[in-house]
Amino acid sequence: MSKTRGFASQSEWKSVNWRKLEMTVFKLQKRIYQASSRGDVSVVRKLQKTLMKSWSAKMIAVRKVTQENKGKKTAGIDGVKALTNKQRLTLVASLKISKKAQPTRRVWIPKPGRSEKRPLGIPTIYDRALQALAKQACLT
């Protein structure tokens, strides 16, 4: 049985204590906020890096992108739509900030009230998870 950071297969994704993970991430975010309000930039950056590498934050980011968001079934340029629980755990394990983003899928959507169209870029699920992870670490 292969394990990914203490979690084995798809049945394990369902048994995760999400409240505990959210509390862990919240505590780190609170420490980032406190350091920011003190004006301690070096501590803020260190804590942000810690949060970005945190397994709890990665799990929450993947959950948000693959289960909660409205566009969870929208495929990017790679064609991946819905993920199984095992694929979600693999995605959590593979999230790294240093990787370069893949190109976005370009879709032309109509502008409201006009016949014109505007471009909409749809990132891959991997890139959306990275964006959600980075969003957790920023303060604004």
N, C-alpha and C. Protein backbone atom coordinates (compact mmCIF):
# COMPACT_ATOMS: atom_id res chain seq x y z
N MET A 1 0.84 -1.18 0.00
CA MET A 1 0.00 0.00 0.00
C MET A 1 0.89 1.25 0.00
N SER A 2 0.76 2.08 -1.05
CA SER A 2 1.59 3.27 -1.12
C SER A 2 0.98 4.37 -0.27
N LYS A 3 1.82 5.08 0.42
CA LYS A 3 1.32 6.14 1.30
C LYS A 3 1.82 7.50 0.83
N THR A 4 0.96 8.48 0.93
CA THR A 4 1.30 9.85 0.60
C THR A 4 1.16 10.67 1.87
N ARG A 5 2.24 10.89 2.55
CA ARG A 5 2.24 11.69 3.77
C ARG A 5 1.23 11.17 4.80
N GLY A 6 1.21 9.87 5.02
CA GLY A 6 0.33 9.34 6.04
C GLY A 6 -1.05 8.94 5.53
N PHE A 7 -1.35 9.25 4.26
CA PHE A 7 -2.65 8.89 3.71
C PHE A 7 -2.45 7.88 2.59
N ALA A 8 -3.21 6.80 2.62
CA ALA A 8 -2.99 5.69 1.70
C ALA A 8 -3.70 5.89 0.37
N SER A 9 -4.98 5.71 0.30
CA SER A 9 -5.67 5.74 -0.98
C SER A 9 -6.87 6.66 -0.93
N GLN A 10 -7.78 6.45 -1.87
CA GLN A 10 -8.92 7.35 -1.99
C GLN A 10 -9.83 7.34 -0.77
N SER A 11 -9.90 6.22 -0.07
CA SER A 11 -10.75 6.18 1.12
C SER A 11 -10.21 7.11 2.20
N GLU A 12 -8.90 7.33 2.18
CA GLU A 12 -8.28 8.21 3.18
C GLU A 12 -8.65 9.68 2.95
N TRP A 13 -8.87 10.08 1.68
CA TRP A 13 -9.24 11.47 1.39
C TRP A 13 -10.56 11.80 2.09
N LYS A 14 -11.45 10.83 2.13
CA LYS A 14 -12.76 11.05 2.75
C LYS A 14 -12.67 11.13 4.27
N SER A 15 -11.66 10.50 4.85
CA SER A 15 -11.57 10.46 6.31
C SER A 15 -10.67 11.55 6.90
N VAL A 16 -10.29 12.53 6.10
CA VAL A 16 -9.43 13.61 6.58
C VAL A 16 -10.24 14.52 7.51
N ASN A 17 -9.61 14.93 8.60
CA ASN A 17 -10.23 15.88 9.52
C ASN A 17 -9.96 17.29 8.99
N TRP A 18 -10.88 17.79 8.15
CA TRP A 18 -10.67 19.08 7.49
C TRP A 18 -10.64 20.23 8.48
N ARG A 19 -11.41 20.13 9.53
CA ARG A 19 -11.45 21.19 10.55
C ARG A 19 -10.06 21.37 11.17
N LYS A 20 -9.39 20.26 11.44
CA LYS A 20 -8.06 20.31 12.04
C LYS A 20 -7.06 20.97 11.08
N LEU A 21 -7.15 20.60 9.80
CA LEU A 21 -6.25 21.21 8.80
C LEU A 21 -6.51 22.71 8.68
N GLU A 22 -7.79 23.10 8.68
CA GLU A 22 -8.14 24.52 8.58
C GLU A 22 -7.63 25.30 9.78
N MET A 23 -7.68 24.69 10.96
CA MET A 23 -7.17 25.36 12.16
C MET A 23 -5.65 25.54 12.09
N THR A 24 -4.96 24.53 11.58
CA THR A 24 -3.50 24.62 11.42
C THR A 24 -3.13 25.77 10.49
N VAL A 25 -3.83 25.85 9.36
CA VAL A 25 -3.57 26.91 8.38
C VAL A 25 -3.93 28.26 8.98
N PHE A 26 -5.05 28.32 9.70
CA PHE A 26 -5.48 29.59 10.30
C PHE A 26 -4.45 30.10 11.30
N LYS A 27 -3.89 29.20 12.09
CA LYS A 27 -2.88 29.62 13.08
C LYS A 27 -1.66 30.21 12.40
N LEU A 28 -1.23 29.59 11.28
CA LEU A 28 -0.09 30.14 10.53
C LEU A 28 -0.46 31.50 9.93
N GLN A 29 -1.67 31.62 9.39
CA GLN A 29 -2.11 32.89 8.82
C GLN A 29 -2.17 33.98 9.90
N LYS A 30 -2.58 33.60 11.09
CA LYS A 30 -2.65 34.54 12.20
C LYS A 30 -1.24 35.03 12.57
N ARG A 31 -0.28 34.10 12.57
CA ARG A 31 1.11 34.49 12.87
C ARG A 31 1.66 35.42 11.78
N ILE A 32 1.28 35.17 10.52
CA ILE A 32 1.70 36.05 9.42
C ILE A 32 1.12 37.45 9.62
N TYR A 33 -0.15 37.51 9.98
CA TYR A 33 -0.81 38.80 10.20
C TYR A 33 -0.15 39.56 11.35
N GLN A 34 0.13 38.86 12.45
CA GLN A 34 0.73 39.51 13.60
C GLN A 34 2.12 40.06 13.27
N ALA A 35 2.92 39.28 12.53
CA ALA A 35 4.25 39.74 12.13
C ALA A 35 4.15 40.92 11.18
N SER A 36 3.15 40.90 10.32
CA SER A 36 2.94 41.99 9.37
C SER A 36 2.54 43.27 10.10
N SER A 37 1.67 43.16 11.08
CA SER A 37 1.25 44.35 11.83
C SER A 37 2.38 44.91 12.68
N ARG A 38 3.34 44.05 13.06
CA ARG A 38 4.55 44.52 13.78
C ARG A 38 5.53 45.17 12.82
N GLY A 39 5.37 44.90 11.52
CA GLY A 39 6.29 45.43 10.52
C GLY A 39 7.53 44.56 10.34
N ASP A 40 7.47 43.32 10.78
CA ASP A 40 8.61 42.39 10.71
C ASP A 40 8.57 41.62 9.39
N VAL A 41 9.12 42.22 8.33
CA VAL A 41 9.02 41.69 6.98
C VAL A 41 9.72 40.34 6.83
N SER A 42 10.88 40.19 7.44
CA SER A 42 11.61 38.93 7.29
C SER A 42 10.85 37.75 7.90
N VAL A 43 10.20 37.98 9.03
CA VAL A 43 9.40 36.93 9.67
C VAL A 43 8.17 36.63 8.82
N VAL A 44 7.56 37.68 8.24
CA VAL A 44 6.39 37.48 7.38
C VAL A 44 6.75 36.57 6.21
N ARG A 45 7.88 36.87 5.56
CA ARG A 45 8.29 36.06 4.40
C ARG A 45 8.60 34.63 4.79
N LYS A 46 9.25 34.47 5.94
CA LYS A 46 9.58 33.12 6.41
C LYS A 46 8.31 32.32 6.69
N LEU A 47 7.35 32.96 7.34
CA LEU A 47 6.09 32.28 7.65
C LEU A 47 5.28 31.99 6.38
N GLN A 48 5.34 32.90 5.41
CA GLN A 48 4.64 32.65 4.15
C GLN A 48 5.23 31.45 3.42
N LYS A 49 6.55 31.33 3.43
CA LYS A 49 7.19 30.17 2.82
C LYS A 49 6.81 28.90 3.56
N THR A 50 6.74 28.98 4.88
CA THR A 50 6.33 27.83 5.68
C THR A 50 4.92 27.40 5.32
N LEU A 51 4.03 28.37 5.17
CA LEU A 51 2.64 28.07 4.82
C LEU A 51 2.55 27.47 3.42
N MET A 52 3.33 27.97 2.49
CA MET A 52 3.30 27.46 1.12
C MET A 52 3.80 26.02 1.04
N LYS A 53 4.68 25.64 1.96
CA LYS A 53 5.20 24.28 1.98
C LYS A 53 4.37 23.35 2.88
N SER A 54 3.44 23.93 3.61
CA SER A 54 2.63 23.18 4.57
C SER A 54 1.72 22.18 3.87
N TRP A 55 1.74 20.94 4.35
CA TRP A 55 0.90 19.90 3.79
C TRP A 55 -0.58 20.23 4.02
N SER A 56 -0.91 20.81 5.16
CA SER A 56 -2.30 21.18 5.47
C SER A 56 -2.82 22.21 4.46
N ALA A 57 -2.02 23.21 4.17
CA ALA A 57 -2.42 24.25 3.23
C ALA A 57 -2.59 23.67 1.82
N LYS A 58 -1.70 22.76 1.43
CA LYS A 58 -1.81 22.12 0.12
C LYS A 58 -3.08 21.29 0.02
N MET A 59 -3.41 20.56 1.09
CA MET A 59 -4.64 19.76 1.10
C MET A 59 -5.87 20.65 0.93
N ILE A 60 -5.90 21.75 1.66
CA ILE A 60 -7.05 22.66 1.59
C ILE A 60 -7.15 23.30 0.21
N ALA A 61 -6.01 23.68 -0.37
CA ALA A 61 -6.01 24.30 -1.70
C ALA A 61 -6.55 23.32 -2.75
N VAL A 62 -6.12 22.07 -2.69
CA VAL A 62 -6.58 21.07 -3.65
C VAL A 62 -8.07 20.79 -3.45
N ARG A 63 -8.50 20.72 -2.22
CA ARG A 63 -9.92 20.49 -1.93
C ARG A 63 -10.78 21.62 -2.49
N LYS A 64 -10.32 22.85 -2.29
CA LYS A 64 -11.06 24.02 -2.76
C LYS A 64 -11.21 23.99 -4.28
N VAL A 65 -10.12 23.68 -4.98
CA VAL A 65 -10.12 23.70 -6.44
C VAL A 65 -10.88 22.53 -7.04
N THR A 66 -10.78 21.35 -6.44
CA THR A 66 -11.36 20.15 -7.05
C THR A 66 -12.74 19.79 -6.54
N GLN A 67 -13.17 20.36 -5.42
CA GLN A 67 -14.47 19.97 -4.86
C GLN A 67 -15.41 21.14 -4.61
N GLU A 68 -14.90 22.28 -4.20
CA GLU A 68 -15.76 23.36 -3.75
C GLU A 68 -16.04 24.43 -4.80
N ASN A 69 -15.05 24.75 -5.63
CA ASN A 69 -15.20 25.85 -6.59
C ASN A 69 -16.24 25.54 -7.66
N LYS A 70 -16.86 26.61 -8.16
CA LYS A 70 -17.88 26.48 -9.19
C LYS A 70 -17.31 25.87 -10.47
N GLY A 71 -16.08 26.22 -10.83
CA GLY A 71 -15.46 25.73 -12.06
C GLY A 71 -14.66 24.46 -11.89
N LYS A 72 -15.02 23.64 -10.92
CA LYS A 72 -14.24 22.43 -10.62
C LYS A 72 -14.23 21.43 -11.76
N LYS A 73 -15.24 21.45 -12.63
CA LYS A 73 -15.30 20.50 -13.74
C LYS A 73 -14.88 21.13 -15.06
N THR A 74 -14.28 22.31 -15.01
CA THR A 74 -13.79 22.98 -16.21
C THR A 74 -12.37 22.53 -16.49
N ALA A 75 -12.13 22.01 -17.67
CA ALA A 75 -10.80 21.50 -18.03
C ALA A 75 -9.90 22.63 -18.50
N GLY A 76 -8.64 22.54 -18.16
CA GLY A 76 -7.64 23.46 -18.67
C GLY A 76 -7.10 22.92 -19.99
N ILE A 77 -5.92 23.37 -20.38
CA ILE A 77 -5.33 22.94 -21.65
C ILE A 77 -4.93 21.46 -21.63
N ASP A 78 -4.75 20.90 -20.44
CA ASP A 78 -4.37 19.49 -20.32
C ASP A 78 -5.57 18.54 -20.43
N GLY A 79 -6.79 19.08 -20.40
CA GLY A 79 -7.99 18.26 -20.57
C GLY A 79 -8.47 17.56 -19.31
N VAL A 80 -7.80 17.77 -18.18
CA VAL A 80 -8.19 17.11 -16.93
C VAL A 80 -9.38 17.86 -16.33
N LYS A 81 -10.46 17.11 -16.03
CA LYS A 81 -11.66 17.73 -15.47
C LYS A 81 -11.83 17.36 -14.01
N ALA A 82 -12.41 16.21 -13.75
CA ALA A 82 -12.69 15.77 -12.39
C ALA A 82 -11.60 14.80 -11.93
N LEU A 83 -11.19 14.93 -10.69
CA LEU A 83 -10.16 14.06 -10.14
C LEU A 83 -10.75 13.07 -9.16
N THR A 84 -10.17 11.87 -9.13
CA THR A 84 -10.54 10.90 -8.11
C THR A 84 -9.83 11.28 -6.82
N ASN A 85 -10.20 10.64 -5.73
CA ASN A 85 -9.57 10.94 -4.45
C ASN A 85 -8.08 10.61 -4.47
N LYS A 86 -7.73 9.53 -5.15
CA LYS A 86 -6.31 9.15 -5.24
C LYS A 86 -5.52 10.19 -6.04
N GLN A 87 -6.13 10.69 -7.12
CA GLN A 87 -5.47 11.73 -7.93
C GLN A 87 -5.32 13.02 -7.14
N ARG A 88 -6.26 13.32 -6.28
CA ARG A 88 -6.17 14.52 -5.44
C ARG A 88 -4.96 14.43 -4.50
N LEU A 89 -4.77 13.25 -3.90
CA LEU A 89 -3.61 13.06 -3.01
C LEU A 89 -2.30 13.18 -3.79
N THR A 90 -2.29 12.66 -5.02
CA THR A 90 -1.10 12.79 -5.87
C THR A 90 -0.83 14.25 -6.20
N LEU A 91 -1.90 15.01 -6.47
CA LEU A 91 -1.77 16.43 -6.76
C LEU A 91 -1.20 17.19 -5.56
N VAL A 92 -1.67 16.85 -4.36
CA VAL A 92 -1.16 17.48 -3.14
C VAL A 92 0.34 17.22 -3.02
N ALA A 93 0.75 15.99 -3.27
CA ALA A 93 2.16 15.62 -3.14
C ALA A 93 3.03 16.31 -4.19
N SER A 94 2.46 16.63 -5.35
CA SER A 94 3.26 17.20 -6.44
C SER A 94 3.30 18.73 -6.44
N LEU A 95 2.50 19.39 -5.60
CA LEU A 95 2.46 20.86 -5.60
C LEU A 95 3.80 21.45 -5.16
N LYS A 96 4.43 22.18 -6.06
CA LYS A 96 5.69 22.88 -5.76
C LYS A 96 5.65 24.24 -6.43
N ILE A 97 6.09 25.24 -5.71
CA ILE A 97 6.02 26.61 -6.20
C ILE A 97 7.03 26.89 -7.31
N SER A 98 8.14 26.20 -7.32
CA SER A 98 9.22 26.52 -8.25
C SER A 98 8.89 26.16 -9.70
N LYS A 99 7.88 25.31 -9.92
CA LYS A 99 7.55 24.91 -11.29
C LYS A 99 6.93 26.07 -12.06
N LYS A 100 7.18 26.10 -13.38
CA LYS A 100 6.63 27.13 -14.23
C LYS A 100 5.19 26.78 -14.61
N ALA A 101 4.32 27.77 -14.66
CA ALA A 101 2.92 27.54 -14.99
C ALA A 101 2.77 27.09 -16.44
N GLN A 102 1.79 26.21 -16.66
CA GLN A 102 1.50 25.74 -18.01
C GLN A 102 0.66 26.79 -18.73
N PRO A 103 0.63 26.75 -20.06
CA PRO A 103 -0.20 27.72 -20.78
C PRO A 103 -1.69 27.52 -20.44
N THR A 104 -2.45 28.61 -20.53
CA THR A 104 -3.87 28.53 -20.21
C THR A 104 -4.68 28.23 -21.47
N ARG A 105 -5.85 27.62 -21.27
CA ARG A 105 -6.75 27.36 -22.39
C ARG A 105 -7.50 28.65 -22.67
N ARG A 106 -7.57 29.06 -23.93
CA ARG A 106 -8.21 30.32 -24.30
C ARG A 106 -9.61 30.05 -24.82
N VAL A 107 -10.60 30.65 -24.17
CA VAL A 107 -12.00 30.51 -24.59
C VAL A 107 -12.55 31.91 -24.80
N TRP A 108 -13.29 32.09 -25.88
CA TRP A 108 -13.90 33.39 -26.15
C TRP A 108 -15.34 33.39 -25.66
N ILE A 109 -15.64 34.30 -24.72
CA ILE A 109 -16.98 34.38 -24.15
C ILE A 109 -17.61 35.73 -24.53
N PRO A 110 -18.94 35.76 -24.67
CA PRO A 110 -19.59 37.01 -25.06
C PRO A 110 -19.56 38.05 -23.94
N LYS A 111 -19.40 39.31 -24.35
CA LYS A 111 -19.48 40.40 -23.38
C LYS A 111 -20.95 40.63 -23.04
N PRO A 112 -21.24 41.02 -21.80
CA PRO A 112 -22.65 41.22 -21.44
C PRO A 112 -23.30 42.37 -22.21
N GLY A 113 -24.44 42.08 -22.83
CA GLY A 113 -25.21 43.11 -23.54
C GLY A 113 -24.67 43.50 -24.90
N ARG A 114 -23.63 42.80 -25.41
CA ARG A 114 -23.06 43.14 -26.71
C ARG A 114 -22.84 41.87 -27.52
N SER A 115 -22.56 42.07 -28.80
CA SER A 115 -22.27 40.91 -29.65
C SER A 115 -20.78 40.60 -29.67
N GLU A 116 -19.97 41.49 -29.07
CA GLU A 116 -18.52 41.27 -29.01
C GLU A 116 -18.19 40.11 -28.08
N LYS A 117 -16.96 39.57 -28.25
CA LYS A 117 -16.50 38.52 -27.36
C LYS A 117 -15.18 38.93 -26.74
N ARG A 118 -14.91 38.38 -25.55
CA ARG A 118 -13.64 38.66 -24.87
C ARG A 118 -12.96 37.35 -24.53
N PRO A 119 -11.61 37.38 -24.42
CA PRO A 119 -10.91 36.12 -24.11
C PRO A 119 -10.97 35.79 -22.63
N LEU A 120 -11.01 34.50 -22.33
CA LEU A 120 -10.97 34.01 -20.96
C LEU A 120 -9.93 32.90 -20.91
N GLY A 121 -8.93 33.05 -20.04
CA GLY A 121 -7.89 32.04 -19.89
C GLY A 121 -8.25 31.07 -18.77
N ILE A 122 -8.23 29.78 -19.07
CA ILE A 122 -8.57 28.77 -18.06
C ILE A 122 -7.31 27.97 -17.73
N PRO A 123 -6.76 28.14 -16.52
CA PRO A 123 -5.55 27.40 -16.13
C PRO A 123 -5.85 25.93 -15.87
N THR A 124 -4.81 25.12 -15.82
CA THR A 124 -4.96 23.71 -15.49
C THR A 124 -5.31 23.58 -14.01
N ILE A 125 -5.78 22.41 -13.61
CA ILE A 125 -6.15 22.19 -12.20
C ILE A 125 -4.92 22.37 -11.30
N TYR A 126 -3.75 21.91 -11.79
CA TYR A 126 -2.51 22.05 -11.02
C TYR A 126 -2.23 23.53 -10.74
N ASP A 127 -2.33 24.36 -11.78
CA ASP A 127 -2.06 25.79 -11.62
C ASP A 127 -3.11 26.47 -10.75
N ARG A 128 -4.37 26.02 -10.84
CA ARG A 128 -5.41 26.58 -9.98
C ARG A 128 -5.14 26.25 -8.52
N ALA A 129 -4.66 25.03 -8.27
CA ALA A 129 -4.32 24.64 -6.89
C ALA A 129 -3.16 25.48 -6.37
N LEU A 130 -2.17 25.74 -7.22
CA LEU A 130 -1.05 26.60 -6.82
C LEU A 130 -1.53 28.02 -6.50
N GLN A 131 -2.46 28.52 -7.31
CA GLN A 131 -3.00 29.86 -7.06
C GLN A 131 -3.76 29.90 -5.73
N ALA A 132 -4.52 28.86 -5.45
CA ALA A 132 -5.26 28.80 -4.18
C ALA A 132 -4.29 28.73 -2.99
N LEU A 133 -3.19 28.00 -3.18
CA LEU A 133 -2.17 27.89 -2.14
C LEU A 133 -1.51 29.25 -1.88
N ALA A 134 -1.16 29.95 -2.96
CA ALA A 134 -0.53 31.26 -2.82
C ALA A 134 -1.50 32.27 -2.20
N LYS A 135 -2.77 32.13 -2.53
CA LYS A 135 -3.79 33.04 -1.98
C LYS A 135 -3.91 32.89 -0.47
N GLN A 136 -3.70 31.69 0.03
CA GLN A 136 -3.77 31.48 1.48
C GLN A 136 -2.62 32.19 2.20
N ALA A 137 -1.49 32.36 1.52
CA ALA A 137 -0.31 32.94 2.17
C ALA A 137 -0.29 34.46 2.11
N CYS A 138 -1.09 35.07 1.21
CA CYS A 138 -1.06 36.54 1.12
C CYS A 138 -2.04 37.14 2.11
N LEU A 139 -1.87 38.40 2.39
CA LEU A 139 -2.65 39.06 3.43
C LEU A 139 -3.82 39.87 2.90
N THR A 140 -3.80 40.27 1.64
CA THR A 140 -4.86 41.15 1.16
C THR A 140 -6.03 40.40 0.58
